[in-house]
C-alpha atoms as a PDB file:
ATOM      1  CA  LYS A   1      16.974 142.287  71.149  1.00  0.00           C
ATOM      2  CA  LYS A   2      18.726 145.517  72.109  1.00  0.00           C
ATOM      3  CA  GLY A   3      19.210 146.592  75.724  1.00  0.00           C
ATOM      4  CA  LYS A   4      21.509 147.986  78.334  1.00  0.00           C
ATOM      5  CA  LEU A   5      21.980 147.673  82.006  1.00  0.00           C
ATOM      6  CA  GLN A   6      20.025 150.283  83.940  1.00  0.00           C
ATOM      7  CA  ILE A   7      22.459 149.975  87.046  1.00  0.00           C
ATOM      8  CA  SER A   8      26.032 149.546  87.020  1.00  0.00           C
ATOM      9  CA  PHE A   9      27.567 146.041  86.730  1.00  0.00           C
ATOM     10  CA  LYS A  10      29.189 146.522  90.178  1.00  0.00           C
ATOM     11  CA  THR A  11      25.897 147.264  91.818  1.00  0.00           C
ATOM     12  CA  HIS A  12      24.098 144.508  89.932  1.00  0.00           C
ATOM     13  CA  LYS A  13      26.759 142.037  90.978  1.00  0.00           C
ATOM     14  CA  GLU A  14      26.576 143.141  94.634  1.00  0.00           C
ATOM     15  CA  ASN A  15      22.773 142.892  94.662  1.00  0.00           C
ATOM     16  CA  LEU A  16      23.067 139.357  93.153  1.00  0.00           C
ATOM     17  CA  ILE A  17      25.615 138.236  95.814  1.00  0.00           C
ATOM     18  CA  LYS A  18      23.440 139.693  98.575  1.00  0.00           C
ATOM     19  CA  SER A  19      20.295 137.929  97.195  1.00  0.00           C
ATOM     20  CA  ILE A  20      22.159 134.630  97.030  1.00  0.00           C
ATOM     21  CA  LYS A  21      23.384 135.135 100.686  1.00  0.00           C
ATOM     22  CA  THR A  22      19.827 135.992 101.802  1.00  0.00           C
ATOM     23  CA  GLU A  23      18.347 132.908 100.044  1.00  0.00           C
ATOM     24  CA  ILE A  24      20.964 130.543 101.755  1.00  0.00           C
ATOM     25  CA  MET A  25      20.246 132.114 105.158  1.00  0.00           C
ATOM     26  CA  GLU A  26      16.315 132.004 104.791  1.00  0.00           C
ATOM     27  CA  ASN A  27      15.279 129.341 102.422  1.00  0.00           C
ATOM     28  CA  ASN A  28      17.641 127.427 100.209  1.00  0.00           C
ATOM     29  CA  SER A  29      15.056 125.943  97.737  1.00  0.00           C
ATOM     30  CA  ASN A  30      15.748 128.411  95.060  1.00  0.00           C
ATOM     31  CA  VAL A  31      19.466 128.233  95.835  1.00  0.00           C
ATOM     32  CA  SER A  32      19.528 124.577  95.086  1.00  0.00           C
ATOM     33  CA  ASP A  33      18.145 125.165  91.598  1.00  0.00           C
ATOM     34  CA  MET A  34      20.709 127.883  91.073  1.00  0.00           C
ATOM     35  CA  THR A  35      23.560 125.646  92.244  1.00  0.00           C
ATOM     36  CA  VAL A  36      22.512 122.907  89.654  1.00  0.00           C
ATOM     37  CA  ASP A  37      22.518 125.599  86.923  1.00  0.00           C
ATOM     38  CA  PHE A  38      25.851 126.956  88.179  1.00  0.00           C
ATOM     39  CA  ILE A  39      27.452 123.448  88.169  1.00  0.00           C
ATOM     40  CA  ARG A  40      26.196 123.007  84.516  1.00  0.00           C
ATOM     41  CA  THR A  41      27.424 126.450  83.435  1.00  0.00           C
ATOM     42  CA  TYR A  42      30.873 126.359  84.923  1.00  0.00           C
ATOM     43  CA  GLY A  43      31.446 122.510  84.680  1.00  0.00           C
ATOM     44  CA  PHE A  44      32.003 121.814  88.348  1.00  0.00           C
ATOM     45  CA  ASN A  45      31.373 118.422  89.588  1.00  0.00           C
ATOM     46  CA  ASP A  46      30.446 119.684  93.061  1.00  0.00           C
ATOM     47  CA  ILE A  47      30.390 123.085  94.688  1.00  0.00           C
ATOM     48  CA  THR A  48      29.742 124.664  98.021  1.00  0.00           C
ATOM     49  CA  TYR A  49      27.941 127.922  98.525  1.00  0.00           C
ATOM     50  CA  GLU A  50      31.011 129.561  99.586  1.00  0.00           C
ATOM     51  CA  LYS A  51      32.679 128.633  96.321  1.00  0.00           C
ATOM     52  CA  MET A  52      29.699 129.648  94.243  1.00  0.00           C
ATOM     53  CA  ILE A  53      29.690 133.142  95.945  1.00  0.00           C
ATOM     54  CA  LYS A  54      33.458 133.396  95.627  1.00  0.00           C
ATOM     55  CA  THR A  55      33.153 132.741  91.877  1.00  0.00           C
ATOM     56  CA  TYR A  56      30.450 135.358  91.515  1.00  0.00           C
ATOM     57  CA  GLU A  57      32.653 137.895  93.391  1.00  0.00           C
ATOM     58  CA  GLU A  58      35.450 137.252  91.011  1.00  0.00           C
ATOM     59  CA  ILE A  59      33.483 137.661  87.817  1.00  0.00           C
ATOM     60  CA  GLU A  60      34.188 141.024  86.045  1.00  0.00           C
ATOM     61  CA  LEU A  61      32.218 142.648  83.257  1.00  0.00           C
ATOM     62  CA  HIS A  62      34.775 141.749  80.729  1.00  0.00           C
ATOM     63  CA  ASP A  63      34.195 138.060  81.502  1.00  0.00           C
ATOM     64  CA  ILE A  64      30.511 138.514  80.766  1.00  0.00           C
ATOM     65  CA  ILE A  65      31.105 140.317  77.578  1.00  0.00           C
ATOM     66  CA  LYS A  66      33.600 137.616  76.464  1.00  0.00           C
ATOM     67  CA  GLU A  67      31.021 134.921  77.108  1.00  0.00           C
ATOM     68  CA  ALA A  68      28.048 136.799  75.341  1.00  0.00           C
ATOM     69  CA  GLN A  69      30.437 137.253  72.358  1.00  0.00           C
ATOM     70  CA  ASN A  70      31.261 133.546  72.313  1.00  0.00           C
ATOM     71  CA  ILE A  71      27.623 132.760  72.469  1.00  0.00           C
ATOM     72  CA  LEU A  72      26.533 135.265  69.884  1.00  0.00           C
ATOM     73  CA  LYS A  73      29.156 134.135  67.335  1.00  0.00           C
ATOM     74  CA  LEU A  74      26.857 131.078  66.883  1.00  0.00           C
ATOM     75  CA  ASP A  75      24.247 133.406  65.386  1.00  0.00           C
ATOM     76  CA  SER A  76      25.339 135.806  62.524  1.00  0.00           C
ATOM     77  CA  ARG A  77      22.160 138.007  63.133  1.00  0.00           C
ATOM     78  CA  CYS A  78      23.496 138.943  66.680  1.00  0.00           C
ATOM     79  CA  THR A  79      26.095 141.637  67.580  1.00  0.00           C
ATOM     80  CA  ILE A  80      27.174 143.143  71.011  1.00  0.00           C
ATOM     81  CA  ASN A  81      28.372 146.503  71.508  1.00  0.00           C
ATOM     82  CA  VAL A  82      29.819 147.721  74.774  1.00  0.00           C
ATOM     83  CA  THR A  83      29.354 151.386  75.787  1.00  0.00           C
ATOM     84  CA  LYS A  84      30.500 153.204  78.776  1.00  0.00           C
END
């Protein structure tokens, strides 16, 4: 598939963090599923909401690109191109 972000990474990240904080404050049923995925993805044994949010705050676009490239190496049909 081919696609591109319709909004900047910074805005997308801010929106994600804001939605996580809102979920925590209002209803943490979705956040508990997200936490399980987060623990599996990042290899943490246990994590607090504060640590999870801090990790998201520290992620930069180049981290996402590096991870995507590692995943896509497994399939020779896939490529990733970064444009500004």
